[in-house]
């Protein structure tokens, strides 16, 4: 009798709204981030791969809607004993590959969607130790490197950097040969960090060879005048070539004067890039774990959904928000006609 009475009482309370109700959370917008520096934090800052500095935590990725990420095998130029070398790049690769295998929900290779997994691709950010030789570049593509950033904050033998006070060097003959071989191997060239002349040279080369150019973590210079950001002409060219621009969350590249960016700044960047380069060219490249100062609303991976909600609130259709946060990036990372080098004659 007592049990029956309690059952009736609970049912009555629920029907009258006197008890808490279970409300299903909305399905998160899927996210593919084109640039997260976890290998750097793990390999050179002593952070765990699963936690990093706290901006991109493995345990929160599924709740944050993350379905894919590009991890750069970045090697600092002052790495001891000999700096950024091929041996250090290999060491970064094997260390990262090992950590990925024991850190769910990361899964390689990318372009193979699995439930409750984060598809993972690799990239370079400063690839000058790699020789412009076909077999060497193909070997990196087979290891899972999809995106090749040839230059970082200083000019190298490939070409000029957007780093301040370095002039405006263009692409070298060695750099042009390297880019051609990357295109031939089915890889993608990243122009984040390249000088204006080098960026323009690479865009011209992509037009000539049918290659793909992206900027994994750069913004629009028209809104945030910083050499690391891209001109409208460059944004437009990347869009015309079928590439994407990953909007960067670093305050300095959102608001150069104060260095303090906001969620509104990120939304403005997205809207500007969509208007200039086309909505198919918008992506996300947070630069999390790279020592950045993101807006307060975007300080960790959980901020992706905050950004998604803001875009929807401002009238961007949900399908378009999905394209901005993951669909456009997936189209570039997983083209239907992509061929592994081993399938070539």
C-alpha atoms as a PDB file:
ATOM      1  CA  UNK A   1       0.000   0.000   0.000  1.00  0.00           C
ATOM      2  CA  UNK A   2       2.749   2.417   0.900  1.00  0.00           C
ATOM      3  CA  UNK A   3       4.600   1.721  -2.365  1.00  0.00           C
ATOM      4  CA  UNK A   4       1.411   2.253  -4.402  1.00  0.00           C
ATOM      5  CA  UNK A   5       0.706   5.513  -2.599  1.00  0.00           C
ATOM      6  CA  UNK A   6       4.205   6.795  -3.312  1.00  0.00           C
ATOM      7  CA  UNK A   7       3.903   5.814  -6.977  1.00  0.00           C
ATOM      8  CA  UNK A   8       0.654   7.748  -7.290  1.00  0.00           C
ATOM      9  CA  UNK A   9       2.122  10.749  -5.464  1.00  0.00           C
ATOM     10  CA  UNK A  10       5.207  10.880  -7.689  1.00  0.00           C
ATOM     11  CA  UNK A  11       3.094  10.565 -10.836  1.00  0.00           C
ATOM     12  CA  UNK A  12       0.826  13.377  -9.642  1.00  0.00           C
ATOM     13  CA  UNK A  13       3.783  15.612  -8.787  1.00  0.00           C
ATOM     14  CA  UNK A  14       5.320  15.076 -12.212  1.00  0.00           C
ATOM     15  CA  UNK A  15       2.027  15.776 -13.970  1.00  0.00           C
ATOM     16  CA  UNK A  16       1.573  19.040 -12.071  1.00  0.00           C
ATOM     17  CA  UNK A  17       5.158  20.171 -12.602  1.00  0.00           C
ATOM     18  CA  UNK A  18       6.125  19.928  -8.932  1.00  0.00           C
ATOM     19  CA  UNK A  19       9.147  17.723  -9.568  1.00  0.00           C
ATOM     20  CA  UNK A  20      12.232  18.298 -11.740  1.00  0.00           C
ATOM     21  CA  UNK A  21      11.756  17.231 -15.330  1.00  0.00           C
ATOM     22  CA  UNK A  22      14.337  15.595 -17.537  1.00  0.00           C
ATOM     23  CA  UNK A  23      15.053  17.872 -20.483  1.00  0.00           C
ATOM     24  CA  UNK A  24      17.186  16.525 -23.302  1.00  0.00           C
ATOM     25  CA  UNK A  25      20.090  18.768 -24.240  1.00  0.00           C
ATOM     26  CA  UNK A  26      20.070  19.875 -27.883  1.00  0.00           C
ATOM     27  CA  UNK A  27      22.376  17.966 -30.191  1.00  0.00           C
ATOM     28  CA  UNK A  28      25.660  19.922 -30.409  1.00  0.00           C
ATOM     29  CA  UNK A  29      26.743  21.406 -33.714  1.00  0.00           C
ATOM     30  CA  UNK A  30      29.601  19.222 -35.045  1.00  0.00           C
ATOM     31  CA  UNK A  31      33.011  20.902 -34.995  1.00  0.00           C
ATOM     32  CA  UNK A  32      36.247  20.299 -36.899  1.00  0.00           C
ATOM     33  CA  UNK A  33      39.074  22.531 -35.671  1.00  0.00           C
ATOM     34  CA  UNK A  34      41.829  23.031 -38.244  1.00  0.00           C
ATOM     35  CA  UNK A  35      44.582  23.953 -35.786  1.00  0.00           C
ATOM     36  CA  UNK A  36      45.090  22.770 -32.203  1.00  0.00           C
ATOM     37  CA  UNK A  37      48.655  22.713 -30.831  1.00  0.00           C
ATOM     38  CA  UNK A  38      48.386  19.674 -28.551  1.00  0.00           C
ATOM     39  CA  UNK A  39      51.608  18.052 -29.865  1.00  0.00           C
ATOM     40  CA  UNK A  40      53.481  21.223 -28.890  1.00  0.00           C
ATOM     41  CA  UNK A  41      52.023  21.299 -25.376  1.00  0.00           C
ATOM     42  CA  UNK A  42      52.702  17.605 -24.892  1.00  0.00           C
ATOM     43  CA  UNK A  43      56.137  17.428 -26.453  1.00  0.00           C
ATOM     44  CA  UNK A  44      57.683  20.731 -25.415  1.00  0.00           C
ATOM     45  CA  UNK A  45      55.670  22.113 -22.484  1.00  0.00           C
ATOM     46  CA  UNK A  46      55.296  18.957 -20.403  1.00  0.00           C
ATOM     47  CA  UNK A  47      51.493  18.878 -20.556  1.00  0.00           C
ATOM     48  CA  UNK A  48      49.541  15.646 -20.795  1.00  0.00           C
ATOM     49  CA  UNK A  49      48.058  14.883 -24.189  1.00  0.00           C
ATOM     50  CA  UNK A  50      44.626  14.404 -22.675  1.00  0.00           C
ATOM     51  CA  UNK A  51      44.543  17.795 -20.917  1.00  0.00           C
ATOM     52  CA  UNK A  52      47.007  20.078 -22.681  1.00  0.00           C
ATOM     53  CA  UNK A  53      46.980  23.523 -21.090  1.00  0.00           C
ATOM     54  CA  UNK A  54      43.263  23.140 -20.379  1.00  0.00           C
ATOM     55  CA  UNK A  55      41.946  24.632 -23.622  1.00  0.00           C
ATOM     56  CA  UNK A  56      41.338  21.353 -25.499  1.00  0.00           C
ATOM     57  CA  UNK A  57      40.595  18.486 -23.097  1.00  0.00           C
ATOM     58  CA  UNK A  58      39.934  14.982 -24.372  1.00  0.00           C
ATOM     59  CA  UNK A  59      37.264  14.301 -21.747  1.00  0.00           C
ATOM     60  CA  UNK A  60      35.156  17.253 -22.961  1.00  0.00           C
ATOM     61  CA  UNK A  61      35.483  16.883 -26.726  1.00  0.00           C
ATOM     62  CA  UNK A  62      32.328  14.873 -27.414  1.00  0.00           C
ATOM     63  CA  UNK A  63      30.223  17.142 -25.201  1.00  0.00           C
ATOM     64  CA  UNK A  64      31.731  20.104 -27.047  1.00  0.00           C
ATOM     65  CA  UNK A  65      30.610  18.657 -30.384  1.00  0.00           C
ATOM     66  CA  UNK A  66      34.135  18.007 -31.662  1.00  0.00           C
ATOM     67  CA  UNK A  67      34.150  15.418 -34.449  1.00  0.00           C
ATOM     68  CA  UNK A  68      37.530  16.230 -35.985  1.00  0.00           C
ATOM     69  CA  UNK A  69      40.792  18.074 -35.410  1.00  0.00           C
ATOM     70  CA  UNK A  70      44.034  18.860 -37.213  1.00  0.00           C
ATOM     71  CA  UNK A  71      47.105  18.572 -34.981  1.00  0.00           C
ATOM     72  CA  UNK A  72      50.302  20.324 -36.159  1.00  0.00           C
ATOM     73  CA  UNK A  73      53.623  18.568 -35.605  1.00  0.00           C
ATOM     74  CA  UNK A  74      55.206  21.843 -34.560  1.00  0.00           C
ATOM     75  CA  UNK A  75      58.847  21.881 -33.468  1.00  0.00           C
ATOM     76  CA  UNK A  76      60.145  25.109 -31.852  1.00  0.00           C
ATOM     77  CA  UNK A  77      63.129  26.564 -33.696  1.00  0.00           C
ATOM     78  CA  UNK A  78      65.170  26.704 -30.468  1.00  0.00           C
ATOM     79  CA  UNK A  79      64.702  23.011 -29.645  1.00  0.00           C
ATOM     80  CA  UNK A  80      67.906  21.563 -28.206  1.00  0.00           C
ATOM     81  CA  UNK A  81      70.339  20.351 -29.305  1.00  0.00           C
ATOM     82  CA  UNK A  82      69.933  21.211 -32.984  1.00  0.00           C
ATOM     83  CA  UNK A  83      66.661  23.073 -33.494  1.00  0.00           C
ATOM     84  CA  UNK A  84      63.929  22.205 -35.979  1.00  0.00           C
ATOM     85  CA  UNK A  85      65.302  19.152 -37.766  1.00  0.00           C
ATOM     86  CA  UNK A  86      63.886  16.192 -39.637  1.00  0.00           C
ATOM     87  CA  UNK A  87      64.769  14.004 -36.659  1.00  0.00           C
ATOM     88  CA  UNK A  88      62.720  16.263 -34.364  1.00  0.00           C
ATOM     89  CA  UNK A  89      59.769  16.187 -36.767  1.00  0.00           C
ATOM     90  CA  UNK A  90      59.906  12.389 -36.767  1.00  0.00           C
ATOM     91  CA  UNK A  91      60.136  12.369 -32.985  1.00  0.00           C
ATOM     92  CA  UNK A  92      57.079  14.634 -32.763  1.00  0.00           C
ATOM     93  CA  UNK A  93      55.202  12.368 -35.146  1.00  0.00           C
ATOM     94  CA  UNK A  94      55.929   9.135 -33.265  1.00  0.00           C
ATOM     95  CA  UNK A  95      55.207  10.748 -29.892  1.00  0.00           C
ATOM     96  CA  UNK A  96      51.892  12.133 -31.164  1.00  0.00           C
ATOM     97  CA  UNK A  97      50.918   8.895 -32.881  1.00  0.00           C
ATOM     98  CA  UNK A  98      51.559   6.977 -29.654  1.00  0.00           C
ATOM     99  CA  UNK A  99      49.514   9.420 -27.567  1.00  0.00           C
ATOM    100  CA  UNK A 100      46.625   9.347 -30.029  1.00  0.00           C
ATOM    101  CA  UNK A 101      46.459   5.575 -29.738  1.00  0.00           C
ATOM    102  CA  UNK A 102      45.986   5.685 -25.982  1.00  0.00           C
ATOM    103  CA  UNK A 103      43.857   8.814 -25.645  1.00  0.00           C
ATOM    104  CA  UNK A 104      40.199   8.366 -26.542  1.00  0.00           C
ATOM    105  CA  UNK A 105      38.236   9.729 -28.337  1.00  0.00           C
ATOM    106  CA  UNK A 106      40.981  10.506 -30.890  1.00  0.00           C
ATOM    107  CA  UNK A 107      41.030   8.233 -33.946  1.00  0.00           C
ATOM    108  CA  UNK A 108      43.309   8.052 -36.975  1.00  0.00           C
ATOM    109  CA  UNK A 109      43.128   8.091 -39.912  1.00  0.00           C
ATOM    110  CA  UNK A 110      40.830  10.990 -40.608  1.00  0.00           C
ATOM    111  CA  UNK A 111      38.011  10.833 -43.164  1.00  0.00           C
ATOM    112  CA  UNK A 112      36.726   7.617 -41.556  1.00  0.00           C
ATOM    113  CA  UNK A 113      33.757   8.710 -39.452  1.00  0.00           C
ATOM    114  CA  UNK A 114      33.107   6.569 -36.374  1.00  0.00           C
ATOM    115  CA  UNK A 115      30.590   7.063 -33.563  1.00  0.00           C
ATOM    116  CA  UNK A 116      31.926   8.711 -30.408  1.00  0.00           C
ATOM    117  CA  UNK A 117      35.298   9.411 -32.040  1.00  0.00           C
ATOM    118  CA  UNK A 118      37.270  12.495 -33.059  1.00  0.00           C
ATOM    119  CA  UNK A 119      38.754  12.078 -36.523  1.00  0.00           C
ATOM    120  CA  UNK A 120      42.344  13.257 -36.457  1.00  0.00           C
ATOM    121  CA  UNK A 121      44.604  14.603 -39.171  1.00  0.00           C
ATOM    122  CA  UNK A 122      48.180  15.848 -38.837  1.00  0.00           C
ATOM    123  CA  UNK A 123      49.852  18.926 -40.269  1.00  0.00           C
ATOM    124  CA  UNK A 124      53.168  20.734 -40.369  1.00  0.00           C
ATOM    125  CA  UNK A 125      53.850  24.252 -39.138  1.00  0.00           C
ATOM    126  CA  UNK A 126      57.362  24.943 -40.381  1.00  0.00           C
ATOM    127  CA  UNK A 127      58.216  22.121 -42.790  1.00  0.00           C
ATOM    128  CA  UNK A 128      61.634  23.312 -43.954  1.00  0.00           C
ATOM    129  CA  UNK A 129      63.544  20.189 -42.767  1.00  0.00           C
ATOM    130  CA  UNK A 130      61.609  18.104 -45.290  1.00  0.00           C
ATOM    131  CA  UNK A 131      63.303  17.775 -48.650  1.00  0.00           C
ATOM    132  CA  UNK A 132      61.310  18.657 -51.775  1.00  0.00           C
ATOM    133  CA  UNK A 133      61.472  15.069 -52.964  1.00  0.00           C
ATOM    134  CA  UNK A 134      58.439  13.126 -54.135  1.00  0.00           C
ATOM    135  CA  UNK A 135      58.917   9.965 -52.084  1.00  0.00           C
ATOM    136  CA  UNK A 136      59.637  11.874 -48.886  1.00  0.00           C
ATOM    137  CA  UNK A 137      56.505  13.995 -49.167  1.00  0.00           C
ATOM    138  CA  UNK A 138      54.400  10.967 -50.092  1.00  0.00           C
ATOM    139  CA  UNK A 139      55.706   9.149 -47.022  1.00  0.00           C
ATOM    140  CA  UNK A 140      54.396  11.937 -44.788  1.00  0.00           C
ATOM    141  CA  UNK A 141      51.003  11.907 -46.508  1.00  0.00           C
ATOM    142  CA  UNK A 142      50.796   8.164 -45.862  1.00  0.00           C
ATOM    143  CA  UNK A 143      51.575   8.806 -42.184  1.00  0.00           C
ATOM    144  CA  UNK A 144      48.471  10.976 -41.920  1.00  0.00           C
ATOM    145  CA  UNK A 145      49.854  14.456 -42.642  1.00  0.00           C
ATOM    146  CA  UNK A 146      47.156  16.213 -44.650  1.00  0.00           C
ATOM    147  CA  UNK A 147      48.182  19.868 -44.380  1.00  0.00           C
ATOM    148  CA  UNK A 148      51.639  21.334 -45.006  1.00  0.00           C
ATOM    149  CA  UNK A 149      52.462  24.685 -43.421  1.00  0.00           C
ATOM    150  CA  UNK A 150      55.818  25.444 -45.008  1.00  0.00           C
ATOM    151  CA  UNK A 151      56.785  28.452 -42.899  1.00  0.00           C
ATOM    152  CA  UNK A 152      56.311  29.599 -39.308  1.00  0.00           C
ATOM    153  CA  UNK A 153      57.225  32.911 -37.679  1.00  0.00           C
ATOM    154  CA  UNK A 154      60.570  33.309 -39.458  1.00  0.00           C
ATOM    155  CA  UNK A 155      61.518  33.140 -43.118  1.00  0.00           C
ATOM    156  CA  UNK A 156      63.223  29.932 -44.214  1.00  0.00           C
ATOM    157  CA  UNK A 157      64.544  28.315 -47.368  1.00  0.00           C
ATOM    158  CA  UNK A 158      60.999  27.946 -48.695  1.00  0.00           C
ATOM    159  CA  UNK A 159      60.033  31.621 -48.565  1.00  0.00           C
ATOM    160  CA  UNK A 160      59.026  34.620 -46.484  1.00  0.00           C
ATOM    161  CA  UNK A 161      57.156  34.807 -43.192  1.00  0.00           C
ATOM    162  CA  UNK A 162      54.515  37.234 -41.965  1.00  0.00           C
ATOM    163  CA  UNK A 163      56.671  37.739 -38.871  1.00  0.00           C
ATOM    164  CA  UNK A 164      57.222  41.424 -38.237  1.00  0.00           C
ATOM    165  CA  UNK A 165      60.379  43.149 -39.414  1.00  0.00           C
ATOM    166  CA  UNK A 166      61.253  40.489 -42.001  1.00  0.00           C
ATOM    167  CA  UNK A 167      60.408  42.307 -45.198  1.00  0.00           C
ATOM    168  CA  UNK A 168      58.191  40.657 -47.771  1.00  0.00           C
ATOM    169  CA  UNK A 169      60.131  37.823 -49.343  1.00  0.00           C
ATOM    170  CA  UNK A 170      58.463  35.655 -51.938  1.00  0.00           C
ATOM    171  CA  UNK A 171      58.493  31.928 -52.581  1.00  0.00           C
ATOM    172  CA  UNK A 172      61.907  30.427 -53.360  1.00  0.00           C
ATOM    173  CA  UNK A 173      62.565  27.866 -56.097  1.00  0.00           C
ATOM    174  CA  UNK A 174      62.920  25.227 -53.356  1.00  0.00           C
ATOM    175  CA  UNK A 175      59.587  26.290 -51.890  1.00  0.00           C
ATOM    176  CA  UNK A 176      57.858  26.183 -55.265  1.00  0.00           C
ATOM    177  CA  UNK A 177      59.146  22.667 -55.909  1.00  0.00           C
ATOM    178  CA  UNK A 178      57.994  21.560 -52.449  1.00  0.00           C
ATOM    179  CA  UNK A 179      54.483  22.967 -52.966  1.00  0.00           C
ATOM    180  CA  UNK A 180      54.165  21.341 -56.389  1.00  0.00           C
ATOM    181  CA  UNK A 181      55.038  17.953 -54.900  1.00  0.00           C
ATOM    182  CA  UNK A 182      52.580  18.434 -52.034  1.00  0.00           C
ATOM    183  CA  UNK A 183      49.816  19.158 -54.558  1.00  0.00           C
ATOM    184  CA  UNK A 184      50.820  16.109 -56.584  1.00  0.00           C
ATOM    185  CA  UNK A 185      50.698  13.908 -53.472  1.00  0.00           C
ATOM    186  CA  UNK A 186      47.172  15.081 -52.650  1.00  0.00           C
ATOM    187  CA  UNK A 187      48.275  17.294 -49.766  1.00  0.00           C
ATOM    188  CA  UNK A 188      47.110  20.798 -48.903  1.00  0.00           C
ATOM    189  CA  UNK A 189      49.277  23.911 -48.510  1.00  0.00           C
ATOM    190  CA  UNK A 190      48.611  26.146 -45.495  1.00  0.00           C
ATOM    191  CA  UNK A 191      49.384  29.856 -45.939  1.00  0.00           C
ATOM    192  CA  UNK A 192      48.978  30.854 -42.295  1.00  0.00           C
ATOM    193  CA  UNK A 193      52.289  32.528 -41.318  1.00  0.00           C
ATOM    194  CA  UNK A 194      53.506  33.128 -44.895  1.00  0.00           C
ATOM    195  CA  UNK A 195      54.394  36.643 -46.083  1.00  0.00           C
ATOM    196  CA  UNK A 196      52.086  38.425 -48.508  1.00  0.00           C
ATOM    197  CA  UNK A 197      54.370  37.747 -51.459  1.00  0.00           C
ATOM    198  CA  UNK A 198      54.816  34.098 -50.554  1.00  0.00           C
ATOM    199  CA  UNK A 199      51.060  33.732 -50.060  1.00  0.00           C
ATOM    200  CA  UNK A 200      50.390  35.291 -53.455  1.00  0.00           C
ATOM    201  CA  UNK A 201      53.046  33.096 -55.078  1.00  0.00           C
ATOM    202  CA  UNK A 202      51.497  29.965 -53.557  1.00  0.00           C
ATOM    203  CA  UNK A 203      48.032  31.016 -54.712  1.00  0.00           C
ATOM    204  CA  UNK A 204      49.393  31.426 -58.238  1.00  0.00           C
ATOM    205  CA  UNK A 205      51.057  28.024 -58.040  1.00  0.00           C
ATOM    206  CA  UNK A 206      47.813  26.428 -56.862  1.00  0.00           C
ATOM    207  CA  UNK A 207      45.978  27.936 -59.824  1.00  0.00           C
ATOM    208  CA  UNK A 208      48.626  26.586 -62.183  1.00  0.00           C
ATOM    209  CA  UNK A 209      48.714  23.056 -60.754  1.00  0.00           C
ATOM    210  CA  UNK A 210      45.136  22.627 -59.566  1.00  0.00           C
ATOM    211  CA  UNK A 211      46.298  22.500 -55.953  1.00  0.00           C
ATOM    212  CA  UNK A 212      44.427  23.271 -52.762  1.00  0.00           C
ATOM    213  CA  UNK A 213      45.319  26.255 -50.572  1.00  0.00           C
ATOM    214  CA  UNK A 214      43.913  26.903 -47.096  1.00  0.00           C
ATOM    215  CA  UNK A 215      44.707  29.112 -44.117  1.00  0.00           C
ATOM    216  CA  UNK A 216      44.230  26.905 -41.072  1.00  0.00           C
ATOM    217  CA  UNK A 217      44.314  29.672 -38.457  1.00  0.00           C
ATOM    218  CA  UNK A 218      44.134  33.193 -39.885  1.00  0.00           C
ATOM    219  CA  UNK A 219      41.705  36.106 -39.887  1.00  0.00           C
ATOM    220  CA  UNK A 220      40.701  39.002 -42.136  1.00  0.00           C
ATOM    221  CA  UNK A 221      43.139  41.903 -42.134  1.00  0.00           C
ATOM    222  CA  UNK A 222      40.379  44.338 -43.109  1.00  0.00           C
ATOM    223  CA  UNK A 223      38.880  43.878 -39.634  1.00  0.00           C
ATOM    224  CA  UNK A 224      42.084  43.232 -37.677  1.00  0.00           C
ATOM    225  CA  UNK A 225      45.112  44.900 -39.301  1.00  0.00           C
ATOM    226  CA  UNK A 226      47.905  42.491 -38.420  1.00  0.00           C
ATOM    227  CA  UNK A 227      50.485  40.968 -40.830  1.00  0.00           C
ATOM    228  CA  UNK A 228      49.386  37.466 -39.753  1.00  0.00           C
ATOM    229  CA  UNK A 229      45.936  38.095 -41.169  1.00  0.00           C
ATOM    230  CA  UNK A 230      44.941  37.907 -44.826  1.00  0.00           C
ATOM    231  CA  UNK A 231      43.918  40.629 -47.260  1.00  0.00           C
ATOM    232  CA  UNK A 232      40.506  40.511 -48.877  1.00  0.00           C
ATOM    233  CA  UNK A 233      42.149  39.651 -52.202  1.00  0.00           C
ATOM    234  CA  UNK A 234      43.839  36.653 -50.580  1.00  0.00           C
ATOM    235  CA  UNK A 235      40.621  35.553 -48.874  1.00  0.00           C
ATOM    236  CA  UNK A 236      38.782  35.784 -52.175  1.00  0.00           C
ATOM    237  CA  UNK A 237      41.448  33.787 -54.015  1.00  0.00           C
ATOM    238  CA  UNK A 238      41.421  31.006 -51.411  1.00  0.00           C
ATOM    239  CA  UNK A 239      37.650  30.795 -51.742  1.00  0.00           C
ATOM    240  CA  UNK A 240      37.848  30.671 -55.536  1.00  0.00           C
ATOM    241  CA  UNK A 241      40.335  27.792 -55.298  1.00  0.00           C
ATOM    242  CA  UNK A 242      37.977  25.788 -53.098  1.00  0.00           C
ATOM    243  CA  UNK A 243      39.923  26.370 -49.897  1.00  0.00           C
ATOM    244  CA  UNK A 244      38.881  27.523 -46.445  1.00  0.00           C
ATOM    245  CA  UNK A 245      40.031  30.024 -43.838  1.00  0.00           C
ATOM    246  CA  UNK A 246      40.016  28.816 -40.229  1.00  0.00           C
ATOM    247  CA  UNK A 247      39.045  31.723 -37.977  1.00  0.00           C
ATOM    248  CA  UNK A 248      41.660  32.165 -35.241  1.00  0.00           C
ATOM    249  CA  UNK A 249      40.590  32.815 -31.619  1.00  0.00           C
ATOM    250  CA  UNK A 250      43.803  34.573 -30.524  1.00  0.00           C
ATOM    251  CA  UNK A 251      43.019  38.041 -29.169  1.00  0.00           C
ATOM    252  CA  UNK A 252      45.973  39.631 -30.925  1.00  0.00           C
ATOM    253  CA  UNK A 253      44.630  38.532 -34.319  1.00  0.00           C
ATOM    254  CA  UNK A 254      41.094  39.664 -33.481  1.00  0.00           C
ATOM    255  CA  UNK A 255      41.865  43.045 -31.920  1.00  0.00           C
ATOM    256  CA  UNK A 256      45.542  43.929 -32.547  1.00  0.00           C
ATOM    257  CA  UNK A 257      45.548  47.165 -30.521  1.00  0.00           C
ATOM    258  CA  UNK A 258      44.323  45.774 -27.216  1.00  0.00           C
ATOM    259  CA  UNK A 259      45.089  42.101 -27.783  1.00  0.00           C
ATOM    260  CA  UNK A 260      41.739  41.320 -26.158  1.00  0.00           C
ATOM    261  CA  UNK A 261      39.332  39.748 -28.610  1.00  0.00           C
ATOM    262  CA  UNK A 262      35.658  39.028 -28.004  1.00  0.00           C
ATOM    263  CA  UNK A 263      33.006  36.610 -29.190  1.00  0.00           C
ATOM    264  CA  UNK A 264      31.584  39.473 -31.249  1.00  0.00           C
ATOM    265  CA  UNK A 265      34.963  39.852 -32.980  1.00  0.00           C
ATOM    266  CA  UNK A 266      34.923  36.171 -33.963  1.00  0.00           C
ATOM    267  CA  UNK A 267      31.385  36.485 -35.331  1.00  0.00           C
ATOM    268  CA  UNK A 268      32.415  39.559 -37.332  1.00  0.00           C
ATOM    269  CA  UNK A 269      35.359  37.645 -38.782  1.00  0.00           C
ATOM    270  CA  UNK A 270      33.092  34.788 -39.833  1.00  0.00           C
ATOM    271  CA  UNK A 271      30.604  37.147 -41.461  1.00  0.00           C
ATOM    272  CA  UNK A 272      33.335  39.083 -43.276  1.00  0.00           C
ATOM    273  CA  UNK A 273      35.053  35.974 -44.634  1.00  0.00           C
ATOM    274  CA  UNK A 274      31.694  34.570 -45.750  1.00  0.00           C
ATOM    275  CA  UNK A 275      30.920  37.818 -47.572  1.00  0.00           C
ATOM    276  CA  UNK A 276      34.345  38.155 -49.250  1.00  0.00           C
ATOM    277  CA  UNK A 277      35.442  34.554 -49.882  1.00  0.00           C
ATOM    278  CA  UNK A 278      32.020  32.909 -49.868  1.00  0.00           C
ATOM    279  CA  UNK A 279      30.184  30.950 -47.168  1.00  0.00           C
ATOM    280  CA  UNK A 280      31.851  27.762 -48.400  1.00  0.00           C
ATOM    281  CA  UNK A 281      35.240  29.187 -47.337  1.00  0.00           C
ATOM    282  CA  UNK A 282      34.534  29.683 -43.611  1.00  0.00           C
ATOM    283  CA  UNK A 283      36.036  27.272 -41.084  1.00  0.00           C
ATOM    284  CA  UNK A 284      37.410  27.267 -37.542  1.00  0.00           C
ATOM    285  CA  UNK A 285      41.106  27.165 -36.632  1.00  0.00           C
ATOM    286  CA  UNK A 286      41.117  28.187 -32.979  1.00  0.00           C
ATOM    287  CA  UNK A 287      44.878  27.900 -32.344  1.00  0.00           C
ATOM    288  CA  UNK A 288      43.996  26.382 -28.950  1.00  0.00           C
ATOM    289  CA  UNK A 289      47.012  25.087 -26.994  1.00  0.00           C
ATOM    290  CA  UNK A 290      49.311  27.429 -28.912  1.00  0.00           C
ATOM    291  CA  UNK A 291      49.776  29.928 -26.097  1.00  0.00           C
ATOM    292  CA  UNK A 292      46.868  32.067 -27.257  1.00  0.00           C
ATOM    293  CA  UNK A 293      44.603  34.431 -25.314  1.00  0.00           C
ATOM    294  CA  UNK A 294      41.105  33.587 -26.561  1.00  0.00           C
ATOM    295  CA  UNK A 295      37.937  35.559 -25.821  1.00  0.00           C
ATOM    296  CA  UNK A 296      36.414  34.792 -22.422  1.00  0.00           C
ATOM    297  CA  UNK A 297      33.430  33.095 -24.057  1.00  0.00           C
ATOM    298  CA  UNK A 298      35.746  30.845 -26.081  1.00  0.00           C
ATOM    299  CA  UNK A 299      38.407  29.999 -23.521  1.00  0.00           C
ATOM    300  CA  UNK A 300      38.029  26.215 -23.909  1.00  0.00           C
ATOM    301  CA  UNK A 301      36.592  23.668 -26.316  1.00  0.00           C
ATOM    302  CA  UNK A 302      33.164  24.135 -24.703  1.00  0.00           C
ATOM    303  CA  UNK A 303      33.030  27.574 -26.298  1.00  0.00           C
ATOM    304  CA  UNK A 304      32.422  26.118 -29.756  1.00  0.00           C
ATOM    305  CA  UNK A 305      28.746  25.644 -28.925  1.00  0.00           C
ATOM    306  CA  UNK A 306      28.575  29.167 -27.500  1.00  0.00           C
ATOM    307  CA  UNK A 307      29.761  30.407 -30.891  1.00  0.00           C
ATOM    308  CA  UNK A 308      27.248  28.187 -32.680  1.00  0.00           C
ATOM    309  CA  UNK A 309      24.380  29.508 -30.572  1.00  0.00           C
ATOM    310  CA  UNK A 310      25.440  33.116 -31.162  1.00  0.00           C
ATOM    311  CA  UNK A 311      25.490  32.592 -34.920  1.00  0.00           C
ATOM    312  CA  UNK A 312      22.029  31.026 -34.833  1.00  0.00           C
ATOM    313  CA  UNK A 313      20.753  33.851 -32.624  1.00  0.00           C
ATOM    314  CA  UNK A 314      21.975  36.334 -35.227  1.00  0.00           C
ATOM    315  CA  UNK A 315      19.958  34.612 -37.920  1.00  0.00           C
ATOM    316  CA  UNK A 316      22.484  32.268 -39.500  1.00  0.00           C
ATOM    317  CA  UNK A 317      20.572  29.108 -40.504  1.00  0.00           C
ATOM    318  CA  UNK A 318      21.584  26.002 -38.578  1.00  0.00           C
ATOM    319  CA  UNK A 319      22.717  24.229 -41.757  1.00  0.00           C
ATOM    320  CA  UNK A 320      25.051  27.148 -42.494  1.00  0.00           C
ATOM    321  CA  UNK A 321      26.440  27.079 -38.954  1.00  0.00           C
ATOM    322  CA  UNK A 322      27.206  23.380 -39.429  1.00  0.00           C
ATOM    323  CA  UNK A 323      29.070  24.234 -42.640  1.00  0.00           C
ATOM    324  CA  UNK A 324      31.083  26.948 -40.900  1.00  0.00           C
ATOM    325  CA  UNK A 325      32.053  24.791 -37.924  1.00  0.00           C
ATOM    326  CA  UNK A 326      32.699  21.477 -39.686  1.00  0.00           C
ATOM    327  CA  UNK A 327      31.191  20.923 -43.131  1.00  0.00           C
ATOM    328  CA  UNK A 328      33.522  23.180 -45.097  1.00  0.00           C
ATOM    329  CA  UNK A 329      36.597  21.831 -43.323  1.00  0.00           C
ATOM    330  CA  UNK A 330      35.532  18.240 -44.006  1.00  0.00           C
ATOM    331  CA  UNK A 331      35.017  18.994 -47.695  1.00  0.00           C
ATOM    332  CA  UNK A 332      38.608  20.188 -47.976  1.00  0.00           C
ATOM    333  CA  UNK A 333      40.185  17.517 -45.776  1.00  0.00           C
ATOM    334  CA  UNK A 334      38.264  14.652 -47.413  1.00  0.00           C
ATOM    335  CA  UNK A 335      37.789  15.441 -51.119  1.00  0.00           C
ATOM    336  CA  UNK A 336      35.952  12.714 -53.007  1.00  0.00           C
ATOM    337  CA  UNK A 337      38.705  12.381 -55.591  1.00  0.00           C
ATOM    338  CA  UNK A 338      41.625  12.297 -53.133  1.00  0.00           C
ATOM    339  CA  UNK A 339      44.054   9.522 -53.961  1.00  0.00           C
ATOM    340  CA  UNK A 340      46.729   8.070 -51.760  1.00  0.00           C
ATOM    341  CA  UNK A 341      50.191   8.293 -53.314  1.00  0.00           C
ATOM    342  CA  UNK A 342      50.449   4.485 -53.308  1.00  0.00           C
ATOM    343  CA  UNK A 343      47.649   4.344 -55.886  1.00  0.00           C
ATOM    344  CA  UNK A 344      49.640   6.362 -58.396  1.00  0.00           C
ATOM    345  CA  UNK A 345      51.629   4.694 -61.141  1.00  0.00           C
END
